[in-house]
């Protein structure tokens, strides 16, 4: 699962790759520059509508996927149990 910080870094990278300042993105989205900063720094906890407007302006999408659960393989189990035996 991507963290808010990782998502924010992706948004910042996309914005700078497009040559936009936070102020320019603010003008394109109607979202205050401080909110864009919160999103990019992983501190945004507002509405998804605001988040989606930023993504749209940067031509990004948000995808929700099921968590991937996996069982440990034999090497991982061996390492885990050998560490406890020491």
PDB file of N, CA and C in Angstrom:
ATOM      1  N   UNK A   1       0.840  -1.177   0.000  1.00  0.00           N
ATOM      2  CA  UNK A   1       0.000   0.000   0.000  1.00  0.00           C
ATOM      3  C   UNK A   1       0.885   1.240   0.000  1.00  0.00           C
ATOM      4  N   UNK A   2       0.559   2.163  -0.825  1.00  0.00           N
ATOM      5  CA  UNK A   2       1.303   3.414  -0.887  1.00  0.00           C
ATOM      6  C   UNK A   2       0.918   4.290   0.302  1.00  0.00           C
ATOM      7  N   UNK A   3       1.904   4.905   0.904  1.00  0.00           N
ATOM      8  CA  UNK A   3       1.643   5.801   2.022  1.00  0.00           C
ATOM      9  C   UNK A   3       1.312   7.193   1.508  1.00  0.00           C
ATOM     10  N   UNK A   4       0.784   8.016   2.385  1.00  0.00           N
ATOM     11  CA  UNK A   4       0.497   9.401   2.002  1.00  0.00           C
ATOM     12  C   UNK A   4       1.764  10.109   1.555  1.00  0.00           C
ATOM     13  N   UNK A   5       2.863   9.822   2.241  1.00  0.00           N
ATOM     14  CA  UNK A   5       4.136  10.462   1.886  1.00  0.00           C
ATOM     15  C   UNK A   5       4.577  10.026   0.492  1.00  0.00           C
ATOM     16  N   UNK A   6       4.476   8.731   0.193  1.00  0.00           N
ATOM     17  CA  UNK A   6       4.868   8.232  -1.132  1.00  0.00           C
ATOM     18  C   UNK A   6       3.975   8.818  -2.221  1.00  0.00           C
ATOM     19  N   UNK A   7       2.687   8.917  -1.949  1.00  0.00           N
ATOM     20  CA  UNK A   7       1.765   9.513  -2.917  1.00  0.00           C
ATOM     21  C   UNK A   7       2.123  10.973  -3.133  1.00  0.00           C
ATOM     22  N   UNK A   8       2.407  11.674  -2.044  1.00  0.00           N
ATOM     23  CA  UNK A   8       2.793  13.081  -2.138  1.00  0.00           C
ATOM     24  C   UNK A   8       4.051  13.288  -2.951  1.00  0.00           C
ATOM     25  N   UNK A   9       5.029  12.396  -2.764  1.00  0.00           N
ATOM     26  CA  UNK A   9       6.271  12.495  -3.545  1.00  0.00           C
ATOM     27  C   UNK A   9       5.999  12.293  -5.034  1.00  0.00           C
ATOM     28  N   UNK A  10       5.112  11.379  -5.359  1.00  0.00           N
ATOM     29  CA  UNK A  10       4.753  11.145  -6.760  1.00  0.00           C
ATOM     30  C   UNK A  10       4.070  12.372  -7.346  1.00  0.00           C
ATOM     31  N   UNK A  11       3.186  12.968  -6.575  1.00  0.00           N
ATOM     32  CA  UNK A  11       2.490  14.170  -7.040  1.00  0.00           C
ATOM     33  C   UNK A  11       3.480  15.307  -7.242  1.00  0.00           C
ATOM     34  N   UNK A  12       4.396  15.504  -6.293  1.00  0.00           N
ATOM     35  CA  UNK A  12       5.402  16.566  -6.425  1.00  0.00           C
ATOM     36  C   UNK A  12       6.280  16.326  -7.659  1.00  0.00           C
ATOM     37  N   UNK A  13       6.708  15.083  -7.853  1.00  0.00           N
ATOM     38  CA  UNK A  13       7.559  14.762  -9.003  1.00  0.00           C
ATOM     39  C   UNK A  13       6.828  15.042 -10.313  1.00  0.00           C
ATOM     40  N   UNK A  14       5.560  14.692 -10.374  1.00  0.00           N
ATOM     41  CA  UNK A  14       4.771  14.942 -11.582  1.00  0.00           C
ATOM     42  C   UNK A  14       4.607  16.436 -11.816  1.00  0.00           C
ATOM     43  N   UNK A  15       4.311  17.166 -10.755  1.00  0.00           N
ATOM     44  CA  UNK A  15       4.137  18.619 -10.878  1.00  0.00           C
ATOM     45  C   UNK A  15       5.411  19.281 -11.385  1.00  0.00           C
ATOM     46  N   UNK A  16       6.547  18.932 -10.804  1.00  0.00           N
ATOM     47  CA  UNK A  16       7.801  19.565 -11.228  1.00  0.00           C
ATOM     48  C   UNK A  16       8.203  19.120 -12.632  1.00  0.00           C
ATOM     49  N   UNK A  17       7.904  17.862 -12.990  1.00  0.00           N
ATOM     50  CA  UNK A  17       8.211  17.386 -14.343  1.00  0.00           C
ATOM     51  C   UNK A  17       7.414  18.162 -15.390  1.00  0.00           C
ATOM     52  N   UNK A  18       6.219  18.582 -15.015  1.00  0.00           N
ATOM     53  CA  UNK A  18       5.393  19.378 -15.927  1.00  0.00           C
ATOM     54  C   UNK A  18       5.768  20.858 -15.900  1.00  0.00           C
ATOM     55  N   UNK A  19       6.679  21.227 -15.018  1.00  0.00           N
ATOM     56  CA  UNK A  19       7.133  22.611 -14.935  1.00  0.00           C
ATOM     57  C   UNK A  19       6.204  23.528 -14.159  1.00  0.00           C
ATOM     58  N   UNK A  20       5.321  22.951 -13.348  1.00  0.00           N
ATOM     59  CA  UNK A  20       4.385  23.751 -12.558  1.00  0.00           C
ATOM     60  C   UNK A  20       4.971  24.059 -11.186  1.00  0.00           C
ATOM     61  N   UNK A  21       4.756  25.264 -10.725  1.00  0.00           N
ATOM     62  CA  UNK A  21       5.006  25.587  -9.326  1.00  0.00           C
ATOM     63  C   UNK A  21       3.745  25.215  -8.548  1.00  0.00           C
ATOM     64  N   UNK A  22       3.851  25.208  -7.233  1.00  0.00           N
ATOM     65  CA  UNK A  22       2.646  24.974  -6.438  1.00  0.00           C
ATOM     66  C   UNK A  22       1.619  26.067  -6.709  1.00  0.00           C
ATOM     67  N   UNK A  23       2.092  27.286  -6.895  1.00  0.00           N
ATOM     68  CA  UNK A  23       1.186  28.406  -7.182  1.00  0.00           C
ATOM     69  C   UNK A  23       0.469  28.197  -8.519  1.00  0.00           C
ATOM     70  N   UNK A  24       1.201  27.721  -9.533  1.00  0.00           N
ATOM     71  CA  UNK A  24       0.589  27.469 -10.843  1.00  0.00           C
ATOM     72  C   UNK A  24      -0.447  26.351 -10.746  1.00  0.00           C
ATOM     73  N   UNK A  25      -0.125  25.293 -10.002  1.00  0.00           N
ATOM     74  CA  UNK A  25      -1.080  24.199  -9.827  1.00  0.00           C
ATOM     75  C   UNK A  25      -2.303  24.686  -9.056  1.00  0.00           C
ATOM     76  N   UNK A  26      -2.075  25.558  -8.110  1.00  0.00           N
ATOM     77  CA  UNK A  26      -3.182  26.166  -7.374  1.00  0.00           C
ATOM     78  C   UNK A  26      -4.121  26.901  -8.331  1.00  0.00           C
ATOM     79  N   UNK A  27      -3.557  27.649  -9.250  1.00  0.00           N
ATOM     80  CA  UNK A  27      -4.365  28.365 -10.237  1.00  0.00           C
ATOM     81  C   UNK A  27      -5.133  27.440 -11.160  1.00  0.00           C
ATOM     82  N   UNK A  28      -4.537  26.308 -11.527  1.00  0.00           N
ATOM     83  CA  UNK A  28      -5.198  25.353 -12.427  1.00  0.00           C
ATOM     84  C   UNK A  28      -6.333  24.598 -11.735  1.00  0.00           C
ATOM     85  N   UNK A  29      -6.209  24.411 -10.410  1.00  0.00           N
ATOM     86  CA  UNK A  29      -7.174  23.576  -9.691  1.00  0.00           C
ATOM     87  C   UNK A  29      -8.149  24.358  -8.818  1.00  0.00           C
ATOM     88  N   UNK A  30      -7.795  25.594  -8.493  1.00  0.00           N
ATOM     89  CA  UNK A  30      -8.610  26.358  -7.554  1.00  0.00           C
ATOM     90  C   UNK A  30      -8.410  25.917  -6.114  1.00  0.00           C
ATOM     91  N   UNK A  31      -7.350  25.169  -5.876  1.00  0.00           N
ATOM     92  CA  UNK A  31      -7.030  24.669  -4.537  1.00  0.00           C
ATOM     93  C   UNK A  31      -5.895  25.515  -3.976  1.00  0.00           C
ATOM     94  N   UNK A  32      -6.032  25.920  -2.729  1.00  0.00           N
ATOM     95  CA  UNK A  32      -5.036  26.793  -2.113  1.00  0.00           C
ATOM     96  C   UNK A  32      -3.652  26.138  -2.124  1.00  0.00           C
ATOM     97  N   UNK A  33      -2.643  26.955  -2.322  1.00  0.00           N
ATOM     98  CA  UNK A  33      -1.252  26.484  -2.385  1.00  0.00           C
ATOM     99  C   UNK A  33      -0.860  25.711  -1.123  1.00  0.00           C
ATOM    100  N   UNK A  34      -1.333  26.130   0.034  1.00  0.00           N
ATOM    101  CA  UNK A  34      -0.979  25.430   1.277  1.00  0.00           C
ATOM    102  C   UNK A  34      -1.562  24.016   1.302  1.00  0.00           C
ATOM    103  N   UNK A  35      -2.722  23.824   0.687  1.00  0.00           N
ATOM    104  CA  UNK A  35      -3.316  22.487   0.605  1.00  0.00           C
ATOM    105  C   UNK A  35      -2.493  21.604  -0.318  1.00  0.00           C
ATOM    106  N   UNK A  36      -2.011  22.160  -1.415  1.00  0.00           N
ATOM    107  CA  UNK A  36      -1.146  21.404  -2.324  1.00  0.00           C
ATOM    108  C   UNK A  36       0.131  20.996  -1.593  1.00  0.00           C
ATOM    109  N   UNK A  37       0.677  21.889  -0.798  1.00  0.00           N
ATOM    110  CA  UNK A  37       1.856  21.568   0.002  1.00  0.00           C
ATOM    111  C   UNK A  37       1.559  20.432   0.979  1.00  0.00           C
ATOM    112  N   UNK A  38       0.397  20.468   1.628  1.00  0.00           N
ATOM    113  CA  UNK A  38       0.011  19.390   2.547  1.00  0.00           C
ATOM    114  C   UNK A  38      -0.069  18.050   1.818  1.00  0.00           C
ATOM    115  N   UNK A  39      -0.644  18.058   0.626  1.00  0.00           N
ATOM    116  CA  UNK A  39      -0.749  16.823  -0.160  1.00  0.00           C
ATOM    117  C   UNK A  39       0.644  16.298  -0.482  1.00  0.00           C
ATOM    118  N   UNK A  40       1.512  17.172  -0.961  1.00  0.00           N
ATOM    119  CA  UNK A  40       2.857  16.753  -1.364  1.00  0.00           C
ATOM    120  C   UNK A  40       3.715  16.290  -0.188  1.00  0.00           C
ATOM    121  N   UNK A  41       3.392  16.751   1.011  1.00  0.00           N
ATOM    122  CA  UNK A  41       4.166  16.366   2.193  1.00  0.00           C
ATOM    123  C   UNK A  41       3.499  15.268   3.016  1.00  0.00           C
ATOM    124  N   UNK A  42       2.434  14.677   2.466  1.00  0.00           N
ATOM    125  CA  UNK A  42       1.777  13.553   3.128  1.00  0.00           C
ATOM    126  C   UNK A  42       0.963  13.935   4.349  1.00  0.00           C
ATOM    127  N   UNK A  43       0.575  15.189   4.468  1.00  0.00           N
ATOM    128  CA  UNK A  43      -0.180  15.645   5.636  1.00  0.00           C
ATOM    129  C   UNK A  43      -1.637  15.972   5.320  1.00  0.00           C
ATOM    130  N   UNK A  44      -2.076  15.735   4.110  1.00  0.00           N
ATOM    131  CA  UNK A  44      -3.438  16.088   3.695  1.00  0.00           C
ATOM    132  C   UNK A  44      -4.429  15.065   4.223  1.00  0.00           C
ATOM    133  N   UNK A  45      -5.488  15.542   4.849  1.00  0.00           N
ATOM    134  CA  UNK A  45      -6.543  14.638   5.310  1.00  0.00           C
ATOM    135  C   UNK A  45      -7.925  15.182   4.952  1.00  0.00           C
ATOM    136  N   UNK A  46      -7.982  15.953   3.885  1.00  0.00           N
ATOM    137  CA  UNK A  46      -9.241  16.559   3.446  1.00  0.00           C
ATOM    138  C   UNK A  46     -10.034  15.646   2.540  1.00  0.00           C
ATOM    139  N   UNK A  47     -10.896  16.247   1.755  1.00  0.00           N
ATOM    140  CA  UNK A  47     -11.814  15.472   0.920  1.00  0.00           C
ATOM    141  C   UNK A  47     -11.112  14.864  -0.296  1.00  0.00           C
ATOM    142  N   UNK A  48     -11.676  13.754  -0.738  1.00  0.00           N
ATOM    143  CA  UNK A  48     -11.139  13.097  -1.923  1.00  0.00           C
ATOM    144  C   UNK A  48     -11.357  13.956  -3.156  1.00  0.00           C
ATOM    145  N   UNK A  49     -12.395  14.779  -3.159  1.00  0.00           N
ATOM    146  CA  UNK A  49     -12.665  15.673  -4.288  1.00  0.00           C
ATOM    147  C   UNK A  49     -11.477  16.601  -4.538  1.00  0.00           C
ATOM    148  N   UNK A  50     -10.934  17.164  -3.489  1.00  0.00           N
ATOM    149  CA  UNK A  50      -9.768  18.049  -3.629  1.00  0.00           C
ATOM    150  C   UNK A  50      -8.584  17.265  -4.170  1.00  0.00           C
ATOM    151  N   UNK A  51      -8.334  16.112  -3.578  1.00  0.00           N
ATOM    152  CA  UNK A  51      -7.234  15.251  -4.007  1.00  0.00           C
ATOM    153  C   UNK A  51      -7.390  14.889  -5.485  1.00  0.00           C
ATOM    154  N   UNK A  52      -8.608  14.550  -5.889  1.00  0.00           N
ATOM    155  CA  UNK A  52      -8.879  14.154  -7.272  1.00  0.00           C
ATOM    156  C   UNK A  52      -8.652  15.308  -8.249  1.00  0.00           C
ATOM    157  N   UNK A  53      -8.972  16.522  -7.848  1.00  0.00           N
ATOM    158  CA  UNK A  53      -8.740  17.684  -8.713  1.00  0.00           C
ATOM    159  C   UNK A  53      -7.254  17.884  -8.979  1.00  0.00           C
ATOM    160  N   UNK A  54      -6.431  17.649  -7.967  1.00  0.00           N
ATOM    161  CA  UNK A  54      -4.976  17.750  -8.157  1.00  0.00           C
ATOM    162  C   UNK A  54      -4.507  16.661  -9.112  1.00  0.00           C
ATOM    163  N   UNK A  55      -4.969  15.433  -8.899  1.00  0.00           N
ATOM    164  CA  UNK A  55      -4.583  14.331  -9.787  1.00  0.00           C
ATOM    165  C   UNK A  55      -4.988  14.615 -11.229  1.00  0.00           C
ATOM    166  N   UNK A  56      -6.197  15.093 -11.431  1.00  0.00           N
ATOM    167  CA  UNK A  56      -6.676  15.400 -12.784  1.00  0.00           C
ATOM    168  C   UNK A  56      -5.807  16.458 -13.453  1.00  0.00           C
ATOM    169  N   UNK A  57      -5.445  17.488 -12.707  1.00  0.00           N
ATOM    170  CA  UNK A  57      -4.630  18.569 -13.276  1.00  0.00           C
ATOM    171  C   UNK A  57      -3.247  18.082 -13.687  1.00  0.00           C
ATOM    172  N   UNK A  58      -2.773  17.016 -13.032  1.00  0.00           N
ATOM    173  CA  UNK A  58      -1.450  16.470 -13.341  1.00  0.00           C
ATOM    174  C   UNK A  58      -1.528  15.242 -14.239  1.00  0.00           C
ATOM    175  N   UNK A  59      -2.727  14.911 -14.709  1.00  0.00           N
ATOM    176  CA  UNK A  59      -2.963  13.740 -15.559  1.00  0.00           C
ATOM    177  C   UNK A  59      -2.522  12.451 -14.863  1.00  0.00           C
ATOM    178  N   UNK A  60      -2.863  12.348 -13.572  1.00  0.00           N
ATOM    179  CA  UNK A  60      -2.577  11.151 -12.787  1.00  0.00           C
ATOM    180  C   UNK A  60      -3.889  10.469 -12.428  1.00  0.00           C
ATOM    181  N   UNK A  61      -3.821   9.185 -12.108  1.00  0.00           N
ATOM    182  CA  UNK A  61      -4.999   8.457 -11.650  1.00  0.00           C
ATOM    183  C   UNK A  61      -4.704   7.837 -10.294  1.00  0.00           C
ATOM    184  N   UNK A  62      -5.761   7.513  -9.588  1.00  0.00           N
ATOM    185  CA  UNK A  62      -5.657   6.853  -8.292  1.00  0.00           C
ATOM    186  C   UNK A  62      -6.315   5.501  -8.435  1.00  0.00           C
ATOM    187  N   UNK A  63      -5.617   4.458  -8.047  1.00  0.00           N
ATOM    188  CA  UNK A  63      -6.139   3.108  -8.206  1.00  0.00           C
ATOM    189  C   UNK A  63      -6.184   2.412  -6.857  1.00  0.00           C
ATOM    190  N   UNK A  64      -7.313   1.795  -6.564  1.00  0.00           N
ATOM    191  CA  UNK A  64      -7.469   1.026  -5.336  1.00  0.00           C
ATOM    192  C   UNK A  64      -7.398  -0.444  -5.710  1.00  0.00           C
ATOM    193  N   UNK A  65      -6.520  -1.172  -5.044  1.00  0.00           N
ATOM    194  CA  UNK A  65      -6.352  -2.594  -5.323  1.00  0.00           C
ATOM    195  C   UNK A  65      -6.402  -3.376  -4.014  1.00  0.00           C
ATOM    196  N   UNK A  66      -6.794  -4.639  -4.080  1.00  0.00           N
ATOM    197  CA  UNK A  66      -6.804  -5.454  -2.867  1.00  0.00           C
ATOM    198  C   UNK A  66      -5.386  -5.621  -2.320  1.00  0.00           C
ATOM    199  N   UNK A  67      -5.300  -5.735  -1.007  1.00  0.00           N
ATOM    200  CA  UNK A  67      -4.000  -5.999  -0.403  1.00  0.00           C
ATOM    201  C   UNK A  67      -3.506  -7.362  -0.866  1.00  0.00           C
ATOM    202  N   UNK A  68      -2.220  -7.452  -1.037  1.00  0.00           N
ATOM    203  CA  UNK A  68      -1.612  -8.712  -1.427  1.00  0.00           C
ATOM    204  C   UNK A  68      -1.075  -9.402  -0.172  1.00  0.00           C
ATOM    205  N   UNK A  69      -1.672 -10.519   0.172  1.00  0.00           N
ATOM    206  CA  UNK A  69      -1.204 -11.296   1.316  1.00  0.00           C
ATOM    207  C   UNK A  69      -0.423 -12.479   0.771  1.00  0.00           C
ATOM    208  N   UNK A  70       0.697 -12.728   1.371  1.00  0.00           N
ATOM    209  CA  UNK A  70       1.477 -13.882   0.926  1.00  0.00           C
ATOM    210  C   UNK A  70       2.048 -14.582   2.142  1.00  0.00           C
ATOM    211  N   UNK A  71       2.261 -15.840   1.993  1.00  0.00           N
ATOM    212  CA  UNK A  71       2.878 -16.623   3.052  1.00  0.00           C
ATOM    213  C   UNK A  71       4.390 -16.548   2.907  1.00  0.00           C
ATOM    214  N   UNK A  72       5.122 -16.618   4.009  1.00  0.00           N
ATOM    215  CA  UNK A  72       6.583 -16.598   3.904  1.00  0.00           C
ATOM    216  C   UNK A  72       7.085 -17.867   3.214  1.00  0.00           C
ATOM    217  N   UNK A  73       8.196 -17.726   2.495  1.00  0.00           N
ATOM    218  CA  UNK A  73       8.764 -18.918   1.862  1.00  0.00           C
ATOM    219  C   UNK A  73       9.657 -19.641   2.879  1.00  0.00           C
ATOM    220  N   UNK A  74      10.173 -20.811   2.488  1.00  0.00           N
ATOM    221  CA  UNK A  74      10.952 -21.645   3.405  1.00  0.00           C
ATOM    222  C   UNK A  74      12.209 -20.939   3.901  1.00  0.00           C
ATOM    223  N   UNK A  75      12.876 -20.198   3.050  1.00  0.00           N
ATOM    224  CA  UNK A  75      14.088 -19.485   3.475  1.00  0.00           C
ATOM    225  C   UNK A  75      13.770 -18.433   4.534  1.00  0.00           C
ATOM    226  N   UNK A  76      12.670 -17.739   4.356  1.00  0.00           N
ATOM    227  CA  UNK A  76      12.275 -16.735   5.349  1.00  0.00           C
ATOM    228  C   UNK A  76      11.938 -17.390   6.684  1.00  0.00           C
ATOM    229  N   UNK A  77      11.244 -18.524   6.638  1.00  0.00           N
ATOM    230  CA  UNK A  77      10.918 -19.246   7.863  1.00  0.00           C
ATOM    231  C   UNK A  77      12.175 -19.748   8.551  1.00  0.00           C
ATOM    232  N   UNK A  78      13.094 -20.285   7.773  1.00  0.00           N
ATOM    233  CA  UNK A  78      14.348 -20.780   8.328  1.00  0.00           C
ATOM    234  C   UNK A  78      15.109 -19.654   9.019  1.00  0.00           C
ATOM    235  N   UNK A  79      15.185 -18.504   8.366  1.00  0.00           N
ATOM    236  CA  UNK A  79      15.871 -17.350   8.950  1.00  0.00           C
ATOM    237  C   UNK A  79      15.169 -16.901  10.223  1.00  0.00           C
ATOM    238  N   UNK A  80      13.863 -16.847  10.183  1.00  0.00           N
ATOM    239  CA  UNK A  80      13.089 -16.405  11.338  1.00  0.00           C
ATOM    240  C   UNK A  80      13.324 -17.316  12.540  1.00  0.00           C
ATOM    241  N   UNK A  81      13.251 -18.618  12.322  1.00  0.00           N
ATOM    242  CA  UNK A  81      13.407 -19.546  13.438  1.00  0.00           C
ATOM    243  C   UNK A  81      14.854 -19.667  13.890  1.00  0.00           C
ATOM    244  N   UNK A  82      15.800 -19.545  12.995  1.00  0.00           N
ATOM    245  CA  UNK A  82      17.208 -19.631  13.404  1.00  0.00           C
ATOM    246  C   UNK A  82      17.610 -18.414  14.229  1.00  0.00           C
ATOM    247  N   UNK A  83      16.993 -17.262  13.985  1.00  0.00           N
ATOM    248  CA  UNK A  83      17.287 -16.069  14.781  1.00  0.00           C
ATOM    249  C   UNK A  83      16.784 -16.240  16.205  1.00  0.00           C
ATOM    250  N   UNK A  84      15.686 -16.963  16.391  1.00  0.00           N
ATOM    251  CA  UNK A  84      15.130 -17.152  17.733  1.00  0.00           C
ATOM    252  C   UNK A  84      15.892 -18.217  18.516  1.00  0.00           C
ATOM    253  N   UNK A  85      16.600 -19.101  17.849  1.00  0.00           N
ATOM    254  CA  UNK A  85      17.342 -20.168  18.517  1.00  0.00           C
ATOM    255  C   UNK A  85      18.651 -19.674  19.102  1.00  0.00           C
ATOM    256  N   UNK A  86      19.149 -18.560  18.620  1.00  0.00           N
ATOM    257  CA  UNK A  86      20.466 -18.077  19.053  1.00  0.00           C
ATOM    258  C   UNK A  86      20.448 -17.486  20.422  1.00  0.00           C
TER     259      UNK A  86
END
